[in-house]
Each structure stands twice: as structure tokens, then as C-alpha cells.
Amino acid sequence: MPVISFSQKDMLRGKVVTPAWYRLKIDSVGEAPSADKNSTNYPVEATVIRNADNGSDEFAGVPIDWNFNSKAIGFAKGYLESLGVPVEAQKRYELATSVGLEIEAFVENDTWQGRTVNRVNHKYRPVAENRGVESVSQ
């Protein structure tokens, strides 16, 4: 008989937050082929630290996930700029260097497969203490 256990993060996964600006810590940035194998997804996993406007920690620890896709990579521009990176055409950027940094993102609610979920719709604000993400030249 299978035995399972849950981390605190597991317990909070799926918890729907009130739409607002949140301070998030970037936990990971991945890379994987899309379902149709015609593009690449760059999934971002982050954790809520607090409400960025009023300081409430009601949703602290809630995992928030979103995705960039290679066919619409322009949506990553605001993400990088909010981390202090001046984005230029024809330069390459290593998204994984954002792991461990904090960002402010507007988290809204959406419906997916009949349930309410948290959604980051690519609205970001800078956080003063970020050191920036390093670029990699071509």
C-alpha cells in the first residue's frame, strides 16, 4: 500500500489568493518542450512572501506558478526589466539566474478546467534590492 506525505508547500498548493500585488521569491525556472513539441516552455515557480501593498502575510508560503513560451517570449521582457535587466534585441538572457530573487507580480484569479486558480498575467513591478539577471552574449 503506497504511503505519502505532504510538505507545507504541498498543503498550500492550489490555495487561491485574493487578487493583488504580491512580493514573491523565485524558487525555480525550468525549460521543457511544449505539449505539441513545437515550442519551449519556461515554467517559473515562486512562493508568496507577502502582499506587496499592505504587507499582509495571509497568503505567505502559497506557491504561484506561471509560464513563458518561446513563441511569445516577449512576455518575459517585463519580468527581466522588473529584475533590473535592460532588455535588448539580439541578446541572450539566462532566466535561471533569477532564482532566489524577489519580484512583485500581480496575481489574479482565473478558471482552468472548471476550477479557480491563481494566474500571473505578466504584470511585474521592480524590487529595489534585486541585483539583476546576467545576460549571456550570443
Protein backbone atom coordinates (compact mmCIF):
# COMPACT_ATOMS: atom_id res chain seq x y z
CA MET A 1 0.00 0.00 0.00
CA PRO A 2 1.51 3.39 -1.01
CA VAL A 3 2.43 5.79 1.77
CA ILE A 4 2.58 9.52 1.04
CA SER A 5 3.34 12.68 2.98
CA PHE A 6 2.85 16.38 2.33
CA SER A 7 5.19 19.33 2.77
CA GLN A 8 3.82 22.66 3.92
CA LYS A 9 4.17 23.86 0.32
CA ASP A 10 2.10 20.86 -0.86
CA MET A 11 -0.62 21.78 1.63
CA LEU A 12 -0.79 25.32 0.23
CA ARG A 13 -0.65 24.38 -3.46
CA GLY A 14 -3.96 25.23 -5.04
CA LYS A 15 -4.88 27.80 -2.38
CA VAL A 16 -6.47 30.73 -4.21
CA VAL A 17 -5.15 34.15 -3.20
CA THR A 18 -7.09 37.41 -3.26
CA PRO A 19 -6.12 39.30 -6.44
CA ALA A 20 -3.40 41.82 -5.54
CA TRP A 21 0.27 42.73 -5.95
CA TYR A 22 2.42 40.17 -4.11
CA ARG A 23 6.10 40.01 -3.21
CA LEU A 24 7.27 36.62 -4.49
CA LYS A 25 10.52 34.69 -4.13
CA ILE A 26 11.55 32.93 -7.34
CA ASP A 27 12.12 29.26 -6.45
CA SER A 28 12.90 27.80 -9.86
CA VAL A 29 12.84 28.43 -13.59
CA GLY A 30 12.74 25.42 -15.88
CA GLU A 31 12.80 24.55 -19.54
CA ALA A 32 10.72 21.88 -21.26
CA PRO A 33 9.16 21.20 -24.65
CA SER A 34 5.56 22.30 -25.01
CA ALA A 35 2.87 19.63 -25.21
CA ASP A 36 2.81 19.81 -29.02
CA LYS A 37 6.66 19.85 -29.16
CA ASN A 38 6.55 22.96 -31.42
CA SER A 39 7.90 25.40 -28.83
CA THR A 40 9.63 25.57 -25.47
CA ASN A 41 8.02 26.38 -22.12
CA TYR A 42 9.90 28.14 -19.34
CA PRO A 43 7.93 27.40 -16.16
CA VAL A 44 8.51 29.73 -13.20
CA GLU A 45 7.77 28.60 -9.64
CA ALA A 46 7.62 31.20 -6.89
CA THR A 47 6.39 31.49 -3.31
CA VAL A 48 4.34 34.34 -1.85
CA ILE A 49 6.22 36.31 0.79
CA ARG A 50 3.53 38.92 1.49
CA ASN A 51 1.04 41.31 -0.06
CA ALA A 52 3.22 43.98 -1.69
CA ASP A 53 0.84 46.85 -0.99
CA ASN A 54 -0.37 46.30 2.57
CA GLY A 55 2.24 43.87 3.98
CA SER A 56 -0.34 41.19 4.89
CA ASP A 57 1.15 37.71 5.22
CA GLU A 58 -2.23 35.96 4.94
CA PHE A 59 -1.06 34.07 1.83
CA ALA A 60 2.63 33.69 2.77
CA GLY A 61 4.01 30.37 1.55
CA VAL A 62 1.44 29.86 -1.22
CA PRO A 63 3.18 28.57 -4.36
CA ILE A 64 2.49 30.55 -7.54
CA ASP A 65 3.39 29.11 -10.95
CA TRP A 66 3.37 30.66 -14.42
CA ASN A 67 4.95 30.07 -17.75
CA PHE A 68 6.78 31.80 -20.57
CA ASN A 69 6.66 30.23 -24.02
CA SER A 70 9.26 30.60 -26.76
CA LYS A 71 6.56 31.57 -29.30
CA ALA A 72 5.61 34.59 -27.13
CA ILE A 73 8.90 35.24 -25.34
CA GLY A 74 8.24 38.99 -25.42
CA PHE A 75 6.17 38.49 -22.25
CA ALA A 76 9.43 37.76 -20.41
CA LYS A 77 10.66 41.31 -21.13
CA GLY A 78 8.68 42.85 -18.26
CA TYR A 79 9.85 40.07 -15.94
CA LEU A 80 13.51 40.74 -16.72
CA GLU A 81 13.12 44.51 -16.60
CA SER A 82 11.49 44.30 -13.17
CA LEU A 83 14.63 42.44 -12.05
CA GLY A 84 16.77 45.37 -13.19
CA VAL A 85 17.86 43.94 -16.54
CA PRO A 86 17.87 46.27 -19.54
CA VAL A 87 16.48 44.01 -22.29
CA GLU A 88 17.94 44.42 -25.77
CA ALA A 89 17.21 42.72 -29.08
CA GLN A 90 19.66 40.01 -30.16
CA LYS A 91 21.00 39.41 -26.62
CA ARG A 92 20.52 36.19 -24.71
CA TYR A 93 19.35 36.03 -21.10
CA GLU A 94 19.63 33.20 -18.59
CA LEU A 95 16.26 33.08 -16.81
CA ALA A 96 17.58 30.66 -14.18
CA THR A 97 19.78 33.41 -12.70
CA SER A 98 16.57 34.93 -11.31
CA VAL A 99 16.21 32.01 -8.87
CA GLY A 100 16.44 33.29 -5.31
CA LEU A 101 15.49 36.85 -6.26
CA GLU A 102 12.30 38.60 -5.21
CA ILE A 103 9.82 40.13 -7.61
CA GLU A 104 6.47 41.84 -7.33
CA ALA A 105 3.76 40.42 -9.56
CA PHE A 106 0.04 41.00 -9.80
CA VAL A 107 -1.67 37.68 -9.08
CA GLU A 108 -5.23 37.43 -10.32
CA ASN A 109 -7.75 34.61 -10.42
CA ASP A 110 -8.76 32.65 -13.49
CA THR A 111 -10.65 29.48 -14.28
CA TRP A 112 -8.87 26.39 -15.59
CA GLN A 113 -10.56 23.03 -16.11
CA GLY A 114 -13.55 24.23 -14.10
CA ARG A 115 -11.67 25.42 -11.02
CA THR A 116 -10.43 28.79 -9.81
CA VAL A 117 -6.65 29.18 -9.98
CA ASN A 118 -4.02 31.85 -9.36
CA ARG A 119 -2.74 33.50 -12.52
CA VAL A 120 0.23 35.75 -13.18
CA ASN A 121 -0.70 37.66 -16.33
CA HIS A 122 2.74 39.21 -16.86
CA LYS A 123 2.30 42.31 -14.71
CA TYR A 124 5.50 42.94 -12.74
CA ARG A 125 6.99 45.72 -10.61
CA PRO A 126 10.65 46.20 -9.70
CA VAL A 127 12.04 45.33 -6.29
CA ALA A 128 14.84 47.72 -5.33
CA GLU A 129 17.21 45.14 -3.81
CA ASN A 130 17.49 42.88 -6.88
CA ARG A 131 20.95 42.64 -8.35
CA GLY A 132 19.68 41.93 -11.86
CA VAL A 133 19.87 38.87 -14.06
CA GLU A 134 23.06 38.36 -16.02
CA SER A 135 22.90 38.32 -19.79
CA VAL A 136 24.78 35.85 -21.95
CA SER A 137 26.06 37.27 -25.25
CA GLN A 138 25.46 35.48 -28.49
